[in-house]
Amino acid sequence: MGAGDEAGLAPDPNAPGNYYTSLERWPAYVPTKYYFTANGEAVEQNGATTTALNYTYDPTHPVPTHGGNNLMIRCGALNQEAQENRADVLSFQSPTLTEDLAITGPIIATLFVASSAVDTDFTAKLTDVYPSGKSVLLNDGIVRMRWRKGQFYSAEPQLITPGEVYEVEVSMWNTSYIFPKGHKWRVSISSSNHPRFLPNPNNGLPLSQNGPNVTALNSVFVGGAQASYMTMPVVQKSQIPEVDIKAVIDKWLDDRPASWRENIPKMRKAAMNHIPHFDEL
């Protein structure tokens, strides 16, 4: 947890994180709402007036995946500036932090949205914005509007009515992270993240069925009664103490047969030999 270097690829020794913590249960976090504004801010006070922020989503020109929780393509905490500078991406960022901000728990964007299509997607990314302007990916997620209520709610897809406003949640899963003083955090909203997620053609047909690609005018509403916002699980740093993970593992192994400790390096080497290198992909 904690900031890496400004490429997002290596730890910064001066960052207020970069350590392991281990807890029996999630700490009691404070779910803190940050409301998106029409001028691209994320603030704790909701605005009085509702504004629609629009962009055009073309399924044949999706936002390219760059980093994230991937397996067969490049993964990790990579710089998102190129993705965020696209016309089909809306970004909202916090003020410059005057003190470290620690979060541990679920990351959720609650969005009021509309589309000119009968189906579309909405994506969200949370990034750590360095003083240099680099925006390093932490978490991301997606909601497909036809499944906006979840597949456990209905086995049948629920298409949307063009122009109607819907409230949806985009889960970015869980994390434990400390944003350093002097940084900002940013949430970027769009409708694609390819190839991590298959682009939605917006036509309402099953994705396994060939059909036309429909360009959609998508909207995210901010302020007033239709205020989109981010919920951050804010904790105190004292709630996520540093743990010597090697000592924890050694203690655990002390209660196991000696062969377990001897076999771990062999198992690690065997596993690494089966992981493809990037130049092999």
C-alpha atoms as a PDB file:
ATOM      1  CA  MET A   1       0.000   0.000   0.000  1.00  0.00           C
ATOM      2  CA  GLY A   2       1.234   3.458  -0.789  1.00  0.00           C
ATOM      3  CA  ALA A   3       2.634   5.393  -3.706  1.00  0.00           C
ATOM      4  CA  GLY A   4       5.208   4.068  -6.101  1.00  0.00           C
ATOM      5  CA  ASP A   5       7.544   6.092  -8.223  1.00  0.00           C
ATOM      6  CA  GLU A   6       6.138   8.466 -10.830  1.00  0.00           C
ATOM      7  CA  ALA A   7       6.028   5.779 -13.500  1.00  0.00           C
ATOM      8  CA  GLY A   8       3.977   3.661 -11.130  1.00  0.00           C
ATOM      9  CA  LEU A   9       6.448   0.809 -11.472  1.00  0.00           C
ATOM     10  CA  ALA A  10       8.649   0.933  -8.378  1.00  0.00           C
ATOM     11  CA  PRO A  11       8.170   1.916  -4.727  1.00  0.00           C
ATOM     12  CA  ASP A  12       9.055   5.362  -3.489  1.00  0.00           C
ATOM     13  CA  PRO A  13      11.019   4.906  -0.242  1.00  0.00           C
ATOM     14  CA  ASN A  14       9.653   8.220   1.024  1.00  0.00           C
ATOM     15  CA  ALA A  15       5.992   7.310   0.456  1.00  0.00           C
ATOM     16  CA  PRO A  16       3.837   6.829   3.585  1.00  0.00           C
ATOM     17  CA  GLY A  17       3.021   3.230   2.682  1.00  0.00           C
ATOM     18  CA  ASN A  18       4.795   0.428   0.809  1.00  0.00           C
ATOM     19  CA  TYR A  19       4.402  -2.104   3.570  1.00  0.00           C
ATOM     20  CA  TYR A  20       2.326  -5.177   4.340  1.00  0.00           C
ATOM     21  CA  THR A  21      -0.505  -5.171   6.832  1.00  0.00           C
ATOM     22  CA  SER A  22      -2.500  -8.152   8.034  1.00  0.00           C
ATOM     23  CA  LEU A  23      -5.775  -7.948   9.930  1.00  0.00           C
ATOM     24  CA  GLU A  24      -8.310 -10.539  11.058  1.00  0.00           C
ATOM     25  CA  ARG A  25     -11.136  -8.377   9.690  1.00  0.00           C
ATOM     26  CA  TRP A  26     -11.603  -5.193   7.683  1.00  0.00           C
ATOM     27  CA  PRO A  27     -10.947  -2.073   9.781  1.00  0.00           C
ATOM     28  CA  ALA A  28     -13.939   0.087  10.614  1.00  0.00           C
ATOM     29  CA  TYR A  29     -13.630   2.550   7.746  1.00  0.00           C
ATOM     30  CA  VAL A  30     -15.631   5.747   7.311  1.00  0.00           C
ATOM     31  CA  PRO A  31     -17.489   5.657   3.958  1.00  0.00           C
ATOM     32  CA  THR A  32     -16.843   9.210   2.749  1.00  0.00           C
ATOM     33  CA  LYS A  33     -18.702  10.636  -0.246  1.00  0.00           C
ATOM     34  CA  TYR A  34     -16.968  12.908  -2.724  1.00  0.00           C
ATOM     35  CA  TYR A  35     -19.344  14.527  -5.210  1.00  0.00           C
ATOM     36  CA  PHE A  36     -18.364  15.133  -8.812  1.00  0.00           C
ATOM     37  CA  THR A  37     -18.744  18.646 -10.191  1.00  0.00           C
ATOM     38  CA  ALA A  38     -19.260  20.080 -13.660  1.00  0.00           C
ATOM     39  CA  ASN A  39     -15.728  21.530 -13.641  1.00  0.00           C
ATOM     40  CA  GLY A  40     -14.053  18.193 -12.908  1.00  0.00           C
ATOM     41  CA  GLU A  41     -13.646  18.320  -9.142  1.00  0.00           C
ATOM     42  CA  ALA A  42     -14.439  15.730  -6.471  1.00  0.00           C
ATOM     43  CA  VAL A  43     -15.572  17.476  -3.280  1.00  0.00           C
ATOM     44  CA  GLU A  44     -17.410  16.607  -0.061  1.00  0.00           C
ATOM     45  CA  GLN A  45     -20.173  19.198  -0.598  1.00  0.00           C
ATOM     46  CA  ASN A  46     -22.818  18.418  -3.221  1.00  0.00           C
ATOM     47  CA  GLY A  47     -23.770  21.177  -5.646  1.00  0.00           C
ATOM     48  CA  ALA A  48     -27.335  22.486  -5.848  1.00  0.00           C
ATOM     49  CA  THR A  49     -27.796  22.225  -9.618  1.00  0.00           C
ATOM     50  CA  THR A  50     -27.842  19.089 -11.749  1.00  0.00           C
ATOM     51  CA  THR A  51     -25.678  19.162 -14.880  1.00  0.00           C
ATOM     52  CA  ALA A  52     -25.342  16.521 -17.599  1.00  0.00           C
ATOM     53  CA  LEU A  53     -21.795  15.858 -18.828  1.00  0.00           C
ATOM     54  CA  ASN A  54     -21.886  14.193 -22.240  1.00  0.00           C
ATOM     55  CA  TYR A  55     -19.450  12.249 -24.382  1.00  0.00           C
ATOM     56  CA  THR A  56     -19.638  10.078 -27.476  1.00  0.00           C
ATOM     57  CA  TYR A  57     -18.787   6.402 -27.105  1.00  0.00           C
ATOM     58  CA  ASP A  58     -17.802   4.660 -30.338  1.00  0.00           C
ATOM     59  CA  PRO A  59     -17.432   0.864 -29.841  1.00  0.00           C
ATOM     60  CA  THR A  60     -14.975   0.708 -32.752  1.00  0.00           C
ATOM     61  CA  HIS A  61     -12.645   3.173 -30.979  1.00  0.00           C
ATOM     62  CA  PRO A  62     -12.556   2.035 -27.339  1.00  0.00           C
ATOM     63  CA  VAL A  63     -10.314   3.388 -24.598  1.00  0.00           C
ATOM     64  CA  PRO A  64      -7.206   1.138 -24.646  1.00  0.00           C
ATOM     65  CA  THR A  65      -6.338  -0.801 -21.522  1.00  0.00           C
ATOM     66  CA  HIS A  66      -3.068   0.305 -19.921  1.00  0.00           C
ATOM     67  CA  GLY A  67      -2.322  -1.559 -16.734  1.00  0.00           C
ATOM     68  CA  GLY A  68      -4.740  -2.863 -14.152  1.00  0.00           C
ATOM     69  CA  ASN A  69      -5.679  -6.300 -12.895  1.00  0.00           C
ATOM     70  CA  ASN A  70      -4.819  -8.212 -16.069  1.00  0.00           C
ATOM     71  CA  LEU A  71      -3.369 -11.629 -16.735  1.00  0.00           C
ATOM     72  CA  MET A  72      -2.297 -11.962 -20.364  1.00  0.00           C
ATOM     73  CA  ILE A  73      -1.592  -8.285 -21.114  1.00  0.00           C
ATOM     74  CA  ARG A  74       0.574  -5.731 -19.325  1.00  0.00           C
ATOM     75  CA  CYS A  75      -0.717  -5.215 -15.809  1.00  0.00           C
ATOM     76  CA  GLY A  76      -0.100  -3.077 -12.766  1.00  0.00           C
ATOM     77  CA  ALA A  77      -0.093   0.539 -11.640  1.00  0.00           C
ATOM     78  CA  LEU A  78       0.634   2.358 -14.897  1.00  0.00           C
ATOM     79  CA  ASN A  79       0.283   5.999 -15.932  1.00  0.00           C
ATOM     80  CA  GLN A  80      -3.206   6.818 -17.317  1.00  0.00           C
ATOM     81  CA  GLU A  81      -2.590  10.322 -18.701  1.00  0.00           C
ATOM     82  CA  ALA A  82      -3.013   9.296 -22.343  1.00  0.00           C
ATOM     83  CA  GLN A  83      -6.287   7.524 -21.568  1.00  0.00           C
ATOM     84  CA  GLU A  84      -7.626  10.397 -19.472  1.00  0.00           C
ATOM     85  CA  ASN A  85      -6.923  12.978 -22.180  1.00  0.00           C
ATOM     86  CA  ARG A  86      -9.418  11.404 -24.584  1.00  0.00           C
ATOM     87  CA  ALA A  87     -12.677  13.165 -25.461  1.00  0.00           C
ATOM     88  CA  ASP A  88     -14.700  10.136 -24.329  1.00  0.00           C
ATOM     89  CA  VAL A  89     -13.323  10.179 -20.765  1.00  0.00           C
ATOM     90  CA  LEU A  90     -14.650  12.347 -17.912  1.00  0.00           C
ATOM     91  CA  SER A  91     -12.249  12.965 -15.012  1.00  0.00           C
ATOM     92  CA  PHE A  92     -12.905  14.269 -11.514  1.00  0.00           C
ATOM     93  CA  GLN A  93     -10.128  14.918  -9.022  1.00  0.00           C
ATOM     94  CA  SER A  94      -9.686  15.904  -5.417  1.00  0.00           C
ATOM     95  CA  PRO A  95      -7.968  19.062  -4.240  1.00  0.00           C
ATOM     96  CA  THR A  96      -4.276  18.700  -3.412  1.00  0.00           C
ATOM     97  CA  LEU A  97      -4.075  16.689  -0.201  1.00  0.00           C
ATOM     98  CA  THR A  98      -2.828  18.659   2.791  1.00  0.00           C
ATOM     99  CA  GLU A  99      -2.187  15.438   4.722  1.00  0.00           C
ATOM    100  CA  ASP A 100      -1.868  11.739   3.953  1.00  0.00           C
ATOM    101  CA  LEU A 101      -5.159  10.029   3.086  1.00  0.00           C
ATOM    102  CA  ALA A 102      -5.454   6.353   4.049  1.00  0.00           C
ATOM    103  CA  ILE A 103      -8.180   4.132   2.604  1.00  0.00           C
ATOM    104  CA  THR A 104      -8.945   0.456   3.203  1.00  0.00           C
ATOM    105  CA  GLY A 105     -12.068  -1.275   1.949  1.00  0.00           C
ATOM    106  CA  PRO A 106     -14.450  -1.233  -1.044  1.00  0.00           C
ATOM    107  CA  ILE A 107     -14.101   1.430  -3.753  1.00  0.00           C
ATOM    108  CA  ILE A 108     -17.447   2.388  -5.315  1.00  0.00           C
ATOM    109  CA  ALA A 109     -18.535   5.036  -7.827  1.00  0.00           C
ATOM    110  CA  THR A 110     -22.269   5.803  -7.745  1.00  0.00           C
ATOM    111  CA  LEU A 111     -23.349   7.281 -11.062  1.00  0.00           C
ATOM    112  CA  PHE A 112     -26.504   8.819 -12.473  1.00  0.00           C
ATOM    113  CA  VAL A 113     -26.293   8.066 -16.172  1.00  0.00           C
ATOM    114  CA  ALA A 114     -28.211   8.057 -19.431  1.00  0.00           C
ATOM    115  CA  SER A 115     -27.553   6.919 -22.991  1.00  0.00           C
ATOM    116  CA  SER A 116     -28.980   7.333 -26.467  1.00  0.00           C
ATOM    117  CA  ALA A 117     -28.596   3.537 -26.888  1.00  0.00           C
ATOM    118  CA  VAL A 118     -30.576   0.599 -25.483  1.00  0.00           C
ATOM    119  CA  ASP A 119     -27.447  -0.803 -23.836  1.00  0.00           C
ATOM    120  CA  THR A 120     -23.969   0.507 -23.036  1.00  0.00           C
ATOM    121  CA  ASP A 121     -21.231   0.295 -20.412  1.00  0.00           C
ATOM    122  CA  PHE A 122     -19.850   2.696 -17.831  1.00  0.00           C
ATOM    123  CA  THR A 123     -16.307   2.262 -16.539  1.00  0.00           C
ATOM    124  CA  ALA A 124     -14.440   3.841 -13.634  1.00  0.00           C
ATOM    125  CA  LYS A 125     -10.777   4.123 -12.680  1.00  0.00           C
ATOM    126  CA  LEU A 126      -9.216   5.400  -9.462  1.00  0.00           C
ATOM    127  CA  THR A 127      -5.733   6.882  -9.809  1.00  0.00           C
ATOM    128  CA  ASP A 128      -3.095   8.534  -7.659  1.00  0.00           C
ATOM    129  CA  VAL A 129      -2.113  11.871  -9.230  1.00  0.00           C
ATOM    130  CA  TYR A 130       1.486  12.897  -8.546  1.00  0.00           C
ATOM    131  CA  PRO A 131       2.658  16.519  -8.328  1.00  0.00           C
ATOM    132  CA  SER A 132       4.211  16.048 -11.781  1.00  0.00           C
ATOM    133  CA  GLY A 133       0.752  15.280 -13.199  1.00  0.00           C
ATOM    134  CA  LYS A 134       1.253  11.558 -13.710  1.00  0.00           C
ATOM    135  CA  SER A 135      -1.888   9.602 -12.913  1.00  0.00           C
ATOM    136  CA  VAL A 136      -1.114   6.089 -11.665  1.00  0.00           C
ATOM    137  CA  LEU A 137      -3.843   3.449 -11.779  1.00  0.00           C
ATOM    138  CA  LEU A 138      -4.964   1.808  -8.539  1.00  0.00           C
ATOM    139  CA  ASN A 139      -8.358   0.193  -9.166  1.00  0.00           C
ATOM    140  CA  ASP A 140     -10.892  -0.045 -11.967  1.00  0.00           C
ATOM    141  CA  GLY A 141     -14.314  -1.512 -12.686  1.00  0.00           C
ATOM    142  CA  ILE A 142     -17.254  -1.605 -15.085  1.00  0.00           C
ATOM    143  CA  VAL A 143     -21.035  -1.912 -15.149  1.00  0.00           C
ATOM    144  CA  ARG A 144     -22.904  -3.205 -18.193  1.00  0.00           C
ATOM    145  CA  MET A 145     -26.266  -1.496 -18.243  1.00  0.00           C
ATOM    146  CA  ARG A 146     -28.188  -4.613 -19.233  1.00  0.00           C
ATOM    147  CA  TRP A 147     -26.879  -6.245 -16.035  1.00  0.00           C
ATOM    148  CA  ARG A 148     -26.965  -3.086 -13.892  1.00  0.00           C
ATOM    149  CA  LYS A 149     -29.079  -4.848 -11.238  1.00  0.00           C
ATOM    150  CA  GLY A 150     -26.850  -7.913 -11.251  1.00  0.00           C
ATOM    151  CA  GLN A 151     -27.336 -11.275 -12.882  1.00  0.00           C
ATOM    152  CA  PHE A 152     -28.720 -12.640  -9.611  1.00  0.00           C
ATOM    153  CA  TYR A 153     -31.584 -10.134  -9.881  1.00  0.00           C
ATOM    154  CA  SER A 154     -32.709 -11.500 -13.242  1.00  0.00           C
ATOM    155  CA  ALA A 155     -31.499 -14.171 -15.619  1.00  0.00           C
ATOM    156  CA  GLU A 156     -32.647 -11.955 -18.474  1.00  0.00           C
ATOM    157  CA  PRO A 157     -30.852  -8.750 -19.505  1.00  0.00           C
ATOM    158  CA  GLN A 158     -32.653  -5.525 -18.641  1.00  0.00           C
ATOM    159  CA  LEU A 159     -32.170  -3.112 -21.533  1.00  0.00           C
ATOM    160  CA  ILE A 160     -32.487   0.611 -20.910  1.00  0.00           C
ATOM    161  CA  THR A 161     -34.769   3.274 -22.364  1.00  0.00           C
ATOM    162  CA  PRO A 162     -32.772   5.834 -24.374  1.00  0.00           C
ATOM    163  CA  GLY A 163     -32.682   9.179 -22.593  1.00  0.00           C
ATOM    164  CA  GLU A 164     -33.884   7.835 -19.241  1.00  0.00           C
ATOM    165  CA  VAL A 165     -31.668   8.463 -16.198  1.00  0.00           C
ATOM    166  CA  TYR A 166     -30.510   5.469 -14.147  1.00  0.00           C
ATOM    167  CA  GLU A 167     -28.593   5.215 -10.889  1.00  0.00           C
ATOM    168  CA  VAL A 168     -25.861   2.564 -11.010  1.00  0.00           C
ATOM    169  CA  GLU A 169     -22.861   1.497  -8.972  1.00  0.00           C
ATOM    170  CA  VAL A 170     -19.447   0.738 -10.447  1.00  0.00           C
ATOM    171  CA  SER A 171     -17.478  -1.455  -8.063  1.00  0.00           C
ATOM    172  CA  MET A 172     -13.726  -1.098  -8.251  1.00  0.00           C
ATOM    173  CA  TRP A 173     -13.301  -3.874  -5.678  1.00  0.00           C
ATOM    174  CA  ASN A 174     -11.215  -3.388  -2.541  1.00  0.00           C
ATOM    175  CA  THR A 175      -7.859  -1.862  -1.787  1.00  0.00           C
ATOM    176  CA  SER A 176      -5.639  -0.615   1.004  1.00  0.00           C
ATOM    177  CA  TYR A 177      -3.644   2.461   0.047  1.00  0.00           C
ATOM    178  CA  ILE A 178      -2.198   5.689   1.399  1.00  0.00           C
ATOM    179  CA  PHE A 179      -2.304   8.779  -0.814  1.00  0.00           C
ATOM    180  CA  PRO A 180       0.624  10.997   0.187  1.00  0.00           C
ATOM    181  CA  LYS A 181       0.341  14.616   1.190  1.00  0.00           C
ATOM    182  CA  GLY A 182       0.794  16.812  -1.891  1.00  0.00           C
ATOM    183  CA  HIS A 183      -0.866  14.289  -4.232  1.00  0.00           C
ATOM    184  CA  LYS A 184      -4.416  14.228  -5.562  1.00  0.00           C
ATOM    185  CA  TRP A 185      -6.697  11.323  -6.375  1.00  0.00           C
ATOM    186  CA  ARG A 186      -8.751  11.113  -9.557  1.00  0.00           C
ATOM    187  CA  VAL A 187     -11.744   9.161 -10.814  1.00  0.00           C
ATOM    188  CA  SER A 188     -12.137   8.762 -14.573  1.00  0.00           C
ATOM    189  CA  ILE A 189     -15.439   7.683 -16.112  1.00  0.00           C
ATOM    190  CA  SER A 190     -15.882   6.327 -19.622  1.00  0.00           C
ATOM    191  CA  SER A 191     -17.628   3.461 -21.431  1.00  0.00           C
ATOM    192  CA  SER A 192     -14.791   1.169 -22.480  1.00  0.00           C
ATOM    193  CA  ASN A 193     -11.502  -0.338 -21.329  1.00  0.00           C
ATOM    194  CA  HIS A 194     -10.369  -2.704 -24.076  1.00  0.00           C
ATOM    195  CA  PRO A 195      -9.122  -5.445 -24.124  1.00  0.00           C
ATOM    196  CA  ARG A 196      -9.592  -5.817 -20.351  1.00  0.00           C
ATOM    197  CA  PHE A 197     -13.336  -5.634 -21.053  1.00  0.00           C
ATOM    198  CA  LEU A 198     -14.975  -6.475 -24.369  1.00  0.00           C
ATOM    199  CA  PRO A 199     -16.406  -3.273 -25.903  1.00  0.00           C
ATOM    200  CA  ASN A 200     -20.187  -3.071 -25.754  1.00  0.00           C
ATOM    201  CA  PRO A 201     -21.576  -2.581 -29.305  1.00  0.00           C
ATOM    202  CA  ASN A 202     -24.590  -0.786 -27.766  1.00  0.00           C
ATOM    203  CA  ASN A 203     -27.071  -2.697 -29.940  1.00  0.00           C
ATOM    204  CA  GLY A 204     -28.811  -4.697 -27.209  1.00  0.00           C
ATOM    205  CA  LEU A 205     -28.026  -8.048 -28.808  1.00  0.00           C
ATOM    206  CA  PRO A 206     -26.204 -10.843 -26.971  1.00  0.00           C
ATOM    207  CA  LEU A 207     -22.461 -10.234 -27.286  1.00  0.00           C
ATOM    208  CA  SER A 208     -22.067 -13.659 -28.880  1.00  0.00           C
ATOM    209  CA  GLN A 209     -24.377 -12.579 -31.709  1.00  0.00           C
ATOM    210  CA  ASN A 210     -23.063 -10.484 -34.582  1.00  0.00           C
ATOM    211  CA  GLY A 211     -24.729  -7.121 -34.991  1.00  0.00           C
ATOM    212  CA  PRO A 212     -24.081  -3.481 -35.810  1.00  0.00           C
ATOM    213  CA  ASN A 213     -21.862  -1.220 -33.729  1.00  0.00           C
ATOM    214  CA  VAL A 214     -23.987   1.670 -32.464  1.00  0.00           C
ATOM    215  CA  THR A 215     -22.286   4.927 -31.502  1.00  0.00           C
ATOM    216  CA  ALA A 216     -23.903   6.267 -28.327  1.00  0.00           C
ATOM    217  CA  LEU A 217     -24.165   9.669 -26.682  1.00  0.00           C
ATOM    218  CA  ASN A 218     -23.632   8.870 -23.011  1.00  0.00           C
ATOM    219  CA  SER A 219     -24.234  11.194 -20.075  1.00  0.00           C
ATOM    220  CA  VAL A 220     -23.076  11.374 -16.465  1.00  0.00           C
ATOM    221  CA  PHE A 221     -25.069  13.690 -14.192  1.00  0.00           C
ATOM    222  CA  VAL A 222     -23.506  15.709 -11.384  1.00  0.00           C
ATOM    223  CA  GLY A 223     -24.976  17.894  -8.663  1.00  0.00           C
ATOM    224  CA  GLY A 224     -28.472  18.294  -7.261  1.00  0.00           C
ATOM    225  CA  ALA A 225     -30.836  15.331  -6.945  1.00  0.00           C
ATOM    226  CA  GLN A 226     -28.884  13.336  -9.550  1.00  0.00           C
ATOM    227  CA  ALA A 227     -25.436  13.758  -8.085  1.00  0.00           C
ATOM    228  CA  SER A 228     -22.796  11.213  -9.074  1.00  0.00           C
ATOM    229  CA  TYR A 229     -20.184  10.586  -6.400  1.00  0.00           C
ATOM    230  CA  MET A 230     -17.298   8.427  -5.211  1.00  0.00           C
ATOM    231  CA  THR A 231     -17.338   6.582  -1.883  1.00  0.00           C
ATOM    232  CA  MET A 232     -13.914   6.224  -0.302  1.00  0.00           C
ATOM    233  CA  PRO A 233     -13.315   3.906   2.720  1.00  0.00           C
ATOM    234  CA  VAL A 234     -11.300   6.325   4.847  1.00  0.00           C
ATOM    235  CA  VAL A 235      -9.295   4.955   7.787  1.00  0.00           C
ATOM    236  CA  GLN A 236      -6.651   6.179  10.171  1.00  0.00           C
ATOM    237  CA  LYS A 237      -3.123   4.986   9.503  1.00  0.00           C
ATOM    238  CA  SER A 238      -3.071   3.512  13.007  1.00  0.00           C
ATOM    239  CA  GLN A 239      -5.789   1.080  11.865  1.00  0.00           C
ATOM    240  CA  ILE A 240      -3.496  -0.475   9.248  1.00  0.00           C
ATOM    241  CA  PRO A 241      -0.252  -1.165  11.129  1.00  0.00           C
ATOM    242  CA  GLU A 242       2.824  -2.473   9.377  1.00  0.00           C
ATOM    243  CA  VAL A 243       3.384  -6.211   9.676  1.00  0.00           C
ATOM    244  CA  ASP A 244       6.644  -8.096   9.208  1.00  0.00           C
ATOM    245  CA  ILE A 245       5.185 -10.561   6.733  1.00  0.00           C
ATOM    246  CA  LYS A 246       8.352 -12.670   6.645  1.00  0.00           C
ATOM    247  CA  ALA A 247       8.178 -13.144  10.390  1.00  0.00           C
ATOM    248  CA  VAL A 248       4.503 -14.110  10.121  1.00  0.00           C
ATOM    249  CA  ILE A 249       5.291 -16.730   7.462  1.00  0.00           C
ATOM    250  CA  ASP A 250       8.279 -18.061   9.417  1.00  0.00           C
ATOM    251  CA  LYS A 251       6.121 -18.457  12.526  1.00  0.00           C
ATOM    252  CA  TRP A 252       3.477 -20.271  10.491  1.00  0.00           C
ATOM    253  CA  LEU A 253       6.092 -22.596   9.001  1.00  0.00           C
ATOM    254  CA  ASP A 254       7.498 -23.379  12.455  1.00  0.00           C
ATOM    255  CA  ASP A 255       4.308 -25.328  13.133  1.00  0.00           C
ATOM    256  CA  ARG A 256       4.585 -27.306   9.880  1.00  0.00           C
ATOM    257  CA  PRO A 257       6.849 -30.187   8.810  1.00  0.00           C
ATOM    258  CA  ALA A 258      10.401 -29.117   7.917  1.00  0.00           C
ATOM    259  CA  SER A 259       9.849 -30.304   4.345  1.00  0.00           C
ATOM    260  CA  TRP A 260       7.361 -27.464   3.810  1.00  0.00           C
ATOM    261  CA  ARG A 261      10.066 -24.840   4.300  1.00  0.00           C
ATOM    262  CA  GLU A 262      12.465 -26.777   2.091  1.00  0.00           C
ATOM    263  CA  ASN A 263       9.947 -27.112  -0.746  1.00  0.00           C
ATOM    264  CA  ILE A 264       8.818 -23.478  -0.922  1.00  0.00           C
ATOM    265  CA  PRO A 265      11.785 -22.276  -3.084  1.00  0.00           C
ATOM    266  CA  LYS A 266      11.230 -25.224  -5.444  1.00  0.00           C
ATOM    267  CA  MET A 267       7.522 -24.446  -5.757  1.00  0.00           C
ATOM    268  CA  ARG A 268       8.224 -20.759  -6.375  1.00  0.00           C
ATOM    269  CA  LYS A 269      10.770 -21.569  -9.090  1.00  0.00           C
ATOM    270  CA  ALA A 270       8.382 -24.027 -10.769  1.00  0.00           C
ATOM    271  CA  ALA A 271       5.555 -21.474 -10.738  1.00  0.00           C
ATOM    272  CA  MET A 272       7.734 -18.722 -12.205  1.00  0.00           C
ATOM    273  CA  ASN A 273       8.832 -21.041 -15.002  1.00  0.00           C
ATOM    274  CA  HIS A 274       5.188 -21.333 -16.069  1.00  0.00           C
ATOM    275  CA  ILE A 275       4.467 -17.599 -16.141  1.00  0.00           C
ATOM    276  CA  PRO A 276       4.888 -16.200 -19.700  1.00  0.00           C
ATOM    277  CA  HIS A 277       7.184 -13.218 -20.062  1.00  0.00           C
ATOM    278  CA  PHE A 278       5.880 -10.080 -21.782  1.00  0.00           C
ATOM    279  CA  ASP A 279       8.065 -10.682 -24.830  1.00  0.00           C
ATOM    280  CA  GLU A 280       6.369 -14.062 -25.241  1.00  0.00           C
ATOM    281  CA  LEU A 281       2.824 -12.647 -25.274  1.00  0.00           C
END
